[in-house]
Amino acid sequence: MSARPAVSIIIVTYNSLGVIGSCLDALTRDGEPPADTEVIVVDNLSTDDTVAVLREHHPWVRVIENDSNAGFSRAVNLAAAHAVGRHLLLLNPDARISPEGVARLSRQLDSDPSIGAASPVLENEGEEVVILAAGHAPTMTRMFLHQSGLSRLGRRWSALEGHYLFAADVREGVRDVDWVSGGCLMVPRDVWIRAGGLTDRWFMYAEDVEFCLRLRTAGLRVIIDAGERAQHALGGSSSGVEGSVN
């Protein structure tokens, strides 16, 4: 591994045994991640064999064991404090992205310092993407447009786009948005530090939206790259497996 990795990949686990292997395998070439990548897993006191499997089958992963279920934000912030990469990639344990996808997002950030966060299109395994985990700030108007179905007219009139964008709205290239999902989200480390990381006001959920909105307030862009895809394991947090932490 280089003196300073290009990307530190941060994964938070809690009883994620059923999904973490696929997540990590997708990040590797010939059984190991690229030399310019480090992977940090913070485990929130799993009661299954997540940590044991990580240590036995993925020795290249840096594992940090919390002594309590600290929630998503605090666990991510803990990992970020230990990360040394130029960029941080927040990745859910039930999501998968290739090394090439990681490198593409990293190049996006390197090429344009006005970008504060970048995300691929996050697809549900086995399902066609209809609604994206990205869109406009959750104002009353944008939420109403989405809930009422009027946001479908946003393809003709952008003023009618809702809180969530439709996949048809982001067919190719890069689209600026107000927020993207923290399930697969890359941020320059210096931007992360300036922004103060994720808020820990909530145990989990919505902190990714709040973080992106802070970046937008600071004048930075938040983008979704339709040219890159990541997969979400449909049902990954069911059947006793709590893989989805965001």
C-alpha atoms as a PDB file:
ATOM      1  CA  MET A   1       0.000   0.000   0.000  1.00  0.00           C
ATOM      2  CA  SER A   2       1.250   3.489  -0.804  1.00  0.00           C
ATOM      3  CA  ALA A   3       2.250   5.921   1.943  1.00  0.00           C
ATOM      4  CA  ARG A   4      -1.086   7.634   1.594  1.00  0.00           C
ATOM      5  CA  PRO A   5      -3.966   5.751  -0.032  1.00  0.00           C
ATOM      6  CA  ALA A   6      -6.096   7.547  -2.573  1.00  0.00           C
ATOM      7  CA  VAL A   7      -9.263   6.249  -0.898  1.00  0.00           C
ATOM      8  CA  SER A   8     -10.184   5.067   2.588  1.00  0.00           C
ATOM      9  CA  ILE A   9     -13.308   2.917   2.389  1.00  0.00           C
ATOM     10  CA  ILE A  10     -15.406   3.100   5.556  1.00  0.00           C
ATOM     11  CA  ILE A  11     -17.932   0.373   6.359  1.00  0.00           C
ATOM     12  CA  VAL A  12     -20.056   0.123   9.500  1.00  0.00           C
ATOM     13  CA  THR A  13     -21.278  -3.337  10.465  1.00  0.00           C
ATOM     14  CA  TYR A  14     -23.852  -4.674  12.889  1.00  0.00           C
ATOM     15  CA  ASN A  15     -24.741  -8.351  12.534  1.00  0.00           C
ATOM     16  CA  SER A  16     -23.706  -8.069   8.873  1.00  0.00           C
ATOM     17  CA  LEU A  17     -22.349 -11.595   8.451  1.00  0.00           C
ATOM     18  CA  GLY A  18     -24.718 -12.387   5.597  1.00  0.00           C
ATOM     19  CA  VAL A  19     -23.628  -9.469   3.403  1.00  0.00           C
ATOM     20  CA  ILE A  20     -20.171  -8.218   4.350  1.00  0.00           C
ATOM     21  CA  GLY A  21     -18.311 -10.913   2.413  1.00  0.00           C
ATOM     22  CA  SER A  22     -19.886  -9.930  -0.911  1.00  0.00           C
ATOM     23  CA  CYS A  23     -19.262  -6.257  -0.174  1.00  0.00           C
ATOM     24  CA  LEU A  24     -15.555  -6.821   0.472  1.00  0.00           C
ATOM     25  CA  ASP A  25     -15.052  -9.304  -2.353  1.00  0.00           C
ATOM     26  CA  ALA A  26     -16.383  -6.742  -4.826  1.00  0.00           C
ATOM     27  CA  LEU A  27     -13.676  -4.292  -3.735  1.00  0.00           C
ATOM     28  CA  THR A  28     -10.811  -6.661  -4.531  1.00  0.00           C
ATOM     29  CA  ARG A  29      -8.680  -7.793  -7.410  1.00  0.00           C
ATOM     30  CA  ASP A  30      -7.181 -11.261  -6.915  1.00  0.00           C
ATOM     31  CA  GLY A  31      -8.332 -11.326  -3.305  1.00  0.00           C
ATOM     32  CA  GLU A  32      -6.980  -7.937  -2.210  1.00  0.00           C
ATOM     33  CA  PRO A  33      -8.017  -4.324  -2.738  1.00  0.00           C
ATOM     34  CA  PRO A  34      -5.914  -2.070  -5.002  1.00  0.00           C
ATOM     35  CA  ALA A  35      -2.701  -0.826  -3.425  1.00  0.00           C
ATOM     36  CA  ASP A  36      -3.978   2.745  -3.217  1.00  0.00           C
ATOM     37  CA  THR A  37      -7.036   1.747  -1.157  1.00  0.00           C
ATOM     38  CA  GLU A  38      -7.503   1.026   2.529  1.00  0.00           C
ATOM     39  CA  VAL A  39     -10.616  -0.529   4.041  1.00  0.00           C
ATOM     40  CA  ILE A  40     -11.748   0.258   7.584  1.00  0.00           C
ATOM     41  CA  VAL A  41     -14.654  -1.583   9.191  1.00  0.00           C
ATOM     42  CA  VAL A  42     -16.165  -0.334  12.436  1.00  0.00           C
ATOM     43  CA  ASP A  43     -18.285  -3.026  14.067  1.00  0.00           C
ATOM     44  CA  ASN A  44     -21.061  -1.855  16.371  1.00  0.00           C
ATOM     45  CA  LEU A  45     -20.893  -4.779  18.804  1.00  0.00           C
ATOM     46  CA  SER A  46     -22.301  -7.462  16.518  1.00  0.00           C
ATOM     47  CA  THR A  47     -23.687 -10.547  18.214  1.00  0.00           C
ATOM     48  CA  ASP A  48     -23.014 -12.765  15.198  1.00  0.00           C
ATOM     49  CA  ASP A  49     -19.639 -13.831  13.755  1.00  0.00           C
ATOM     50  CA  THR A  50     -19.065 -10.717  11.657  1.00  0.00           C
ATOM     51  CA  VAL A  51     -15.804  -9.744  13.359  1.00  0.00           C
ATOM     52  CA  ALA A  52     -14.424 -13.279  13.459  1.00  0.00           C
ATOM     53  CA  VAL A  53     -15.076 -13.762   9.745  1.00  0.00           C
ATOM     54  CA  LEU A  54     -13.506 -10.410   8.933  1.00  0.00           C
ATOM     55  CA  ARG A  55     -10.328 -11.267  10.802  1.00  0.00           C
ATOM     56  CA  GLU A  56     -10.069 -14.780   9.371  1.00  0.00           C
ATOM     57  CA  HIS A  57     -11.028 -14.237   5.740  1.00  0.00           C
ATOM     58  CA  HIS A  58     -10.214 -10.555   5.131  1.00  0.00           C
ATOM     59  CA  PRO A  59      -6.968  -9.858   7.017  1.00  0.00           C
ATOM     60  CA  TRP A  60      -6.324  -6.758   4.902  1.00  0.00           C
ATOM     61  CA  VAL A  61      -9.316  -5.032   6.514  1.00  0.00           C
ATOM     62  CA  ARG A  62      -8.648  -2.787   9.480  1.00  0.00           C
ATOM     63  CA  VAL A  63     -11.279  -3.726  12.053  1.00  0.00           C
ATOM     64  CA  ILE A  64     -12.291  -1.384  14.876  1.00  0.00           C
ATOM     65  CA  GLU A  65     -14.585  -2.966  17.464  1.00  0.00           C
ATOM     66  CA  ASN A  66     -16.956  -0.627  19.284  1.00  0.00           C
ATOM     67  CA  ASP A  67     -17.870  -1.536  22.848  1.00  0.00           C
ATOM     68  CA  SER A  68     -21.500  -0.565  22.170  1.00  0.00           C
ATOM     69  CA  ASN A  69     -23.862  -0.108  19.238  1.00  0.00           C
ATOM     70  CA  ALA A  70     -22.892   3.510  18.745  1.00  0.00           C
ATOM     71  CA  GLY A  71     -25.073   4.107  15.700  1.00  0.00           C
ATOM     72  CA  PHE A  72     -24.102   4.872  12.138  1.00  0.00           C
ATOM     73  CA  SER A  73     -22.803   8.452  12.404  1.00  0.00           C
ATOM     74  CA  ARG A  74     -20.563   7.941  15.404  1.00  0.00           C
ATOM     75  CA  ALA A  75     -19.115   4.782  13.909  1.00  0.00           C
ATOM     76  CA  VAL A  76     -18.395   6.516  10.592  1.00  0.00           C
ATOM     77  CA  ASN A  77     -16.810   9.486  12.363  1.00  0.00           C
ATOM     78  CA  LEU A  78     -14.633   7.094  14.373  1.00  0.00           C
ATOM     79  CA  ALA A  79     -13.409   5.375  11.216  1.00  0.00           C
ATOM     80  CA  ALA A  80     -12.814   8.715   9.493  1.00  0.00           C
ATOM     81  CA  ALA A  81     -10.620   9.810  12.401  1.00  0.00           C
ATOM     82  CA  HIS A  82      -8.381   6.796  11.706  1.00  0.00           C
ATOM     83  CA  ALA A  83      -8.468   7.082   7.914  1.00  0.00           C
ATOM     84  CA  VAL A  84      -5.503   8.439   5.976  1.00  0.00           C
ATOM     85  CA  GLY A  85      -6.825   8.366   2.403  1.00  0.00           C
ATOM     86  CA  ARG A  86      -7.160  11.462   0.275  1.00  0.00           C
ATOM     87  CA  HIS A  87     -10.837  10.634  -0.124  1.00  0.00           C
ATOM     88  CA  LEU A  88     -13.317   8.825   2.116  1.00  0.00           C
ATOM     89  CA  LEU A  89     -15.866   6.395   0.688  1.00  0.00           C
ATOM     90  CA  LEU A  90     -18.824   5.624   2.934  1.00  0.00           C
ATOM     91  CA  LEU A  91     -20.123   2.204   1.927  1.00  0.00           C
ATOM     92  CA  ASN A  92     -22.951   0.148   3.407  1.00  0.00           C
ATOM     93  CA  PRO A  93     -22.090  -3.498   4.115  1.00  0.00           C
ATOM     94  CA  ASP A  94     -24.953  -4.617   1.866  1.00  0.00           C
ATOM     95  CA  ALA A  95     -23.710  -2.539  -1.071  1.00  0.00           C
ATOM     96  CA  ARG A  96     -21.148  -3.456  -3.697  1.00  0.00           C
ATOM     97  CA  ILE A  97     -18.927  -1.317  -5.901  1.00  0.00           C
ATOM     98  CA  SER A  98     -15.960  -2.377  -8.007  1.00  0.00           C
ATOM     99  CA  PRO A  99     -12.386  -1.091  -7.662  1.00  0.00           C
ATOM    100  CA  GLU A 100     -12.902   0.614 -11.024  1.00  0.00           C
ATOM    101  CA  GLY A 101     -15.990   2.358  -9.651  1.00  0.00           C
ATOM    102  CA  VAL A 102     -14.077   3.534  -6.594  1.00  0.00           C
ATOM    103  CA  ALA A 103     -11.303   4.864  -8.827  1.00  0.00           C
ATOM    104  CA  ARG A 104     -13.809   6.656 -11.074  1.00  0.00           C
ATOM    105  CA  LEU A 105     -15.384   8.522  -8.156  1.00  0.00           C
ATOM    106  CA  SER A 106     -11.921   9.412  -6.874  1.00  0.00           C
ATOM    107  CA  ARG A 107     -10.984  10.873 -10.260  1.00  0.00           C
ATOM    108  CA  GLN A 108     -14.196  12.911 -10.265  1.00  0.00           C
ATOM    109  CA  LEU A 109     -13.192  14.537  -6.972  1.00  0.00           C
ATOM    110  CA  ASP A 110      -9.585  15.053  -8.060  1.00  0.00           C
ATOM    111  CA  SER A 111     -10.649  16.689 -11.304  1.00  0.00           C
ATOM    112  CA  ASP A 112     -12.907  19.334  -9.773  1.00  0.00           C
ATOM    113  CA  PRO A 113     -12.300  20.850  -6.306  1.00  0.00           C
ATOM    114  CA  SER A 114     -15.808  22.339  -6.371  1.00  0.00           C
ATOM    115  CA  ILE A 115     -17.236  18.823  -5.845  1.00  0.00           C
ATOM    116  CA  GLY A 116     -17.806  18.085  -2.171  1.00  0.00           C
ATOM    117  CA  ALA A 117     -19.450  14.664  -2.557  1.00  0.00           C
ATOM    118  CA  ALA A 118     -19.955  12.139  -5.334  1.00  0.00           C
ATOM    119  CA  SER A 119     -22.075   9.023  -5.652  1.00  0.00           C
ATOM    120  CA  PRO A 120     -22.825   6.388  -8.280  1.00  0.00           C
ATOM    121  CA  VAL A 121     -26.337   5.281  -9.146  1.00  0.00           C
ATOM    122  CA  LEU A 122     -27.246   2.790  -6.413  1.00  0.00           C
ATOM    123  CA  GLU A 123     -29.237  -0.102  -7.862  1.00  0.00           C
ATOM    124  CA  ASN A 124     -31.301  -2.676  -6.008  1.00  0.00           C
ATOM    125  CA  GLU A 125     -30.144  -6.142  -6.981  1.00  0.00           C
ATOM    126  CA  GLY A 126     -32.611  -7.740  -9.379  1.00  0.00           C
ATOM    127  CA  GLU A 127     -34.749  -4.620  -9.741  1.00  0.00           C
ATOM    128  CA  GLU A 128     -34.863  -1.876 -12.327  1.00  0.00           C
ATOM    129  CA  VAL A 129     -34.000   1.481 -10.811  1.00  0.00           C
ATOM    130  CA  VAL A 130     -37.031   3.779 -10.807  1.00  0.00           C
ATOM    131  CA  ILE A 131     -36.395   6.195  -7.952  1.00  0.00           C
ATOM    132  CA  LEU A 132     -32.855   7.288  -7.092  1.00  0.00           C
ATOM    133  CA  ALA A 133     -31.432   7.715  -3.607  1.00  0.00           C
ATOM    134  CA  ALA A 134     -30.642  11.303  -4.532  1.00  0.00           C
ATOM    135  CA  GLY A 135     -32.494  14.498  -5.213  1.00  0.00           C
ATOM    136  CA  HIS A 136     -33.613  17.847  -3.872  1.00  0.00           C
ATOM    137  CA  ALA A 137     -33.628  19.153  -0.318  1.00  0.00           C
ATOM    138  CA  PRO A 138     -36.634  17.859   1.680  1.00  0.00           C
ATOM    139  CA  THR A 139     -38.667  21.049   1.641  1.00  0.00           C
ATOM    140  CA  MET A 140     -42.440  20.844   2.068  1.00  0.00           C
ATOM    141  CA  THR A 141     -42.877  21.593  -1.617  1.00  0.00           C
ATOM    142  CA  ARG A 142     -40.443  18.940  -2.826  1.00  0.00           C
ATOM    143  CA  MET A 143     -41.886  16.329  -0.459  1.00  0.00           C
ATOM    144  CA  PHE A 144     -45.426  17.124  -1.614  1.00  0.00           C
ATOM    145  CA  LEU A 145     -44.417  16.859  -5.261  1.00  0.00           C
ATOM    146  CA  HIS A 146     -42.965  13.416  -4.630  1.00  0.00           C
ATOM    147  CA  GLN A 147     -45.790  12.091  -2.476  1.00  0.00           C
ATOM    148  CA  SER A 148     -48.489  13.370  -4.838  1.00  0.00           C
ATOM    149  CA  GLY A 149     -46.842  11.938  -7.930  1.00  0.00           C
ATOM    150  CA  LEU A 150     -46.571  15.357  -9.539  1.00  0.00           C
ATOM    151  CA  SER A 151     -42.787  14.952  -9.542  1.00  0.00           C
ATOM    152  CA  ARG A 152     -43.170  12.647 -12.552  1.00  0.00           C
ATOM    153  CA  LEU A 153     -43.778  15.816 -14.525  1.00  0.00           C
ATOM    154  CA  GLY A 154     -40.315  16.995 -13.516  1.00  0.00           C
ATOM    155  CA  ARG A 155     -38.905  15.417 -16.665  1.00  0.00           C
ATOM    156  CA  ARG A 156     -40.623  18.207 -18.584  1.00  0.00           C
ATOM    157  CA  TRP A 157     -40.522  20.959 -15.954  1.00  0.00           C
ATOM    158  CA  SER A 158     -37.591  20.778 -13.520  1.00  0.00           C
ATOM    159  CA  ALA A 159     -39.461  22.976 -11.028  1.00  0.00           C
ATOM    160  CA  LEU A 160     -41.738  19.982 -10.408  1.00  0.00           C
ATOM    161  CA  GLU A 161     -38.967  17.549  -9.466  1.00  0.00           C
ATOM    162  CA  GLY A 162     -39.450  16.098  -6.000  1.00  0.00           C
ATOM    163  CA  HIS A 163     -37.303  15.133  -3.036  1.00  0.00           C
ATOM    164  CA  TYR A 164     -36.230  11.991  -4.909  1.00  0.00           C
ATOM    165  CA  LEU A 165     -35.178  12.019  -8.545  1.00  0.00           C
ATOM    166  CA  PHE A 166     -36.316   9.397 -11.027  1.00  0.00           C
ATOM    167  CA  ALA A 167     -33.730   7.329 -12.848  1.00  0.00           C
ATOM    168  CA  ALA A 168     -35.027   8.787 -16.112  1.00  0.00           C
ATOM    169  CA  ASP A 169     -33.870  12.202 -14.867  1.00  0.00           C
ATOM    170  CA  VAL A 170     -30.240  11.012 -14.688  1.00  0.00           C
ATOM    171  CA  ARG A 171     -29.663   8.851 -17.757  1.00  0.00           C
ATOM    172  CA  GLU A 172     -26.065   9.790 -18.493  1.00  0.00           C
ATOM    173  CA  GLY A 173     -23.247  12.047 -17.388  1.00  0.00           C
ATOM    174  CA  VAL A 174     -23.091  13.861 -14.074  1.00  0.00           C
ATOM    175  CA  ARG A 175     -26.073  15.502 -12.383  1.00  0.00           C
ATOM    176  CA  ASP A 176     -25.837  18.072  -9.591  1.00  0.00           C
ATOM    177  CA  VAL A 177     -28.226  17.338  -6.720  1.00  0.00           C
ATOM    178  CA  ASP A 178     -28.820  18.534  -3.168  1.00  0.00           C
ATOM    179  CA  TRP A 179     -28.177  15.151  -1.578  1.00  0.00           C
ATOM    180  CA  VAL A 180     -27.111  11.585  -2.274  1.00  0.00           C
ATOM    181  CA  SER A 181     -27.305   8.433  -0.179  1.00  0.00           C
ATOM    182  CA  GLY A 182     -24.621   7.674   2.375  1.00  0.00           C
ATOM    183  CA  GLY A 183     -24.847   4.049   1.272  1.00  0.00           C
ATOM    184  CA  CYS A 184     -22.131   4.778  -1.292  1.00  0.00           C
ATOM    185  CA  LEU A 185     -20.791   8.300  -0.936  1.00  0.00           C
ATOM    186  CA  MET A 186     -17.280   9.649  -1.553  1.00  0.00           C
ATOM    187  CA  VAL A 187     -16.001  12.866   0.020  1.00  0.00           C
ATOM    188  CA  PRO A 188     -12.559  14.491  -0.055  1.00  0.00           C
ATOM    189  CA  ARG A 189     -11.017  14.001   3.368  1.00  0.00           C
ATOM    190  CA  ASP A 190     -10.199  17.703   3.761  1.00  0.00           C
ATOM    191  CA  VAL A 191     -13.836  18.579   2.979  1.00  0.00           C
ATOM    192  CA  TRP A 192     -14.971  16.013   5.551  1.00  0.00           C
ATOM    193  CA  ILE A 193     -12.754  17.582   8.197  1.00  0.00           C
ATOM    194  CA  ARG A 194     -13.916  21.115   7.415  1.00  0.00           C
ATOM    195  CA  ALA A 195     -17.553  20.016   7.527  1.00  0.00           C
ATOM    196  CA  GLY A 196     -17.066  18.255  10.856  1.00  0.00           C
ATOM    197  CA  GLY A 197     -18.211  14.827   9.638  1.00  0.00           C
ATOM    198  CA  LEU A 198     -21.694  13.411  10.148  1.00  0.00           C
ATOM    199  CA  THR A 199     -24.022  14.776  12.777  1.00  0.00           C
ATOM    200  CA  ASP A 200     -24.635  12.376  15.660  1.00  0.00           C
ATOM    201  CA  ARG A 201     -27.984  13.913  16.588  1.00  0.00           C
ATOM    202  CA  TRP A 202     -29.648  10.804  15.155  1.00  0.00           C
ATOM    203  CA  PHE A 203     -28.828   7.157  15.730  1.00  0.00           C
ATOM    204  CA  MET A 204     -29.176   6.452  12.009  1.00  0.00           C
ATOM    205  CA  TYR A 205     -30.949   7.682   8.843  1.00  0.00           C
ATOM    206  CA  ALA A 206     -31.120  11.228   7.390  1.00  0.00           C
ATOM    207  CA  GLU A 207     -27.606  12.183   8.468  1.00  0.00           C
ATOM    208  CA  ASP A 208     -26.401  11.750   4.885  1.00  0.00           C
ATOM    209  CA  VAL A 209     -29.005  14.240   3.634  1.00  0.00           C
ATOM    210  CA  GLU A 210     -28.094  16.716   6.372  1.00  0.00           C
ATOM    211  CA  PHE A 211     -24.375  16.346   5.587  1.00  0.00           C
ATOM    212  CA  CYS A 212     -24.886  16.970   1.874  1.00  0.00           C
ATOM    213  CA  LEU A 213     -27.012  20.030   2.582  1.00  0.00           C
ATOM    214  CA  ARG A 214     -24.203  21.441   4.719  1.00  0.00           C
ATOM    215  CA  LEU A 215     -21.818  20.953   1.809  1.00  0.00           C
ATOM    216  CA  ARG A 216     -24.239  22.754  -0.500  1.00  0.00           C
ATOM    217  CA  THR A 217     -24.537  25.625   1.995  1.00  0.00           C
ATOM    218  CA  ALA A 218     -20.736  25.860   1.946  1.00  0.00           C
ATOM    219  CA  GLY A 219     -20.857  26.323  -1.823  1.00  0.00           C
ATOM    220  CA  LEU A 220     -19.729  22.824  -2.792  1.00  0.00           C
ATOM    221  CA  ARG A 221     -21.332  20.592  -5.396  1.00  0.00           C
ATOM    222  CA  VAL A 222     -22.960  17.241  -4.682  1.00  0.00           C
ATOM    223  CA  ILE A 223     -23.106  15.012  -7.750  1.00  0.00           C
ATOM    224  CA  ILE A 224     -24.461  11.681  -8.891  1.00  0.00           C
ATOM    225  CA  ASP A 225     -22.555   9.978 -11.706  1.00  0.00           C
ATOM    226  CA  ALA A 226     -24.900   8.042 -13.984  1.00  0.00           C
ATOM    227  CA  GLY A 227     -21.890   6.444 -15.655  1.00  0.00           C
ATOM    228  CA  GLU A 228     -21.070   4.424 -12.548  1.00  0.00           C
ATOM    229  CA  ARG A 229     -23.282   1.898 -10.784  1.00  0.00           C
ATOM    230  CA  ALA A 230     -23.187   0.245  -7.378  1.00  0.00           C
ATOM    231  CA  GLN A 231     -25.445  -2.585  -6.262  1.00  0.00           C
ATOM    232  CA  HIS A 232     -27.536  -2.858  -3.132  1.00  0.00           C
ATOM    233  CA  ALA A 233     -28.358  -6.373  -1.912  1.00  0.00           C
ATOM    234  CA  LEU A 234     -32.135  -6.518  -1.979  1.00  0.00           C
ATOM    235  CA  GLY A 235     -33.310  -8.032   1.296  1.00  0.00           C
ATOM    236  CA  GLY A 236     -29.833  -7.701   2.796  1.00  0.00           C
ATOM    237  CA  SER A 237     -31.222  -6.379   6.060  1.00  0.00           C
ATOM    238  CA  SER A 238     -33.941  -9.008   6.426  1.00  0.00           C
ATOM    239  CA  SER A 239     -34.006 -12.580   7.741  1.00  0.00           C
ATOM    240  CA  GLY A 240     -32.092 -11.646  10.858  1.00  0.00           C
ATOM    241  CA  VAL A 241     -29.281  -9.956   8.959  1.00  0.00           C
ATOM    242  CA  GLU A 242     -29.007  -6.284   9.852  1.00  0.00           C
ATOM    243  CA  GLY A 243     -26.735  -5.338   6.995  1.00  0.00           C
ATOM    244  CA  SER A 244     -28.244  -2.020   6.051  1.00  0.00           C
ATOM    245  CA  VAL A 245     -27.067   0.597   8.498  1.00  0.00           C
ATOM    246  CA  ASN A 246     -28.035   3.732   6.628  1.00  0.00           C
END
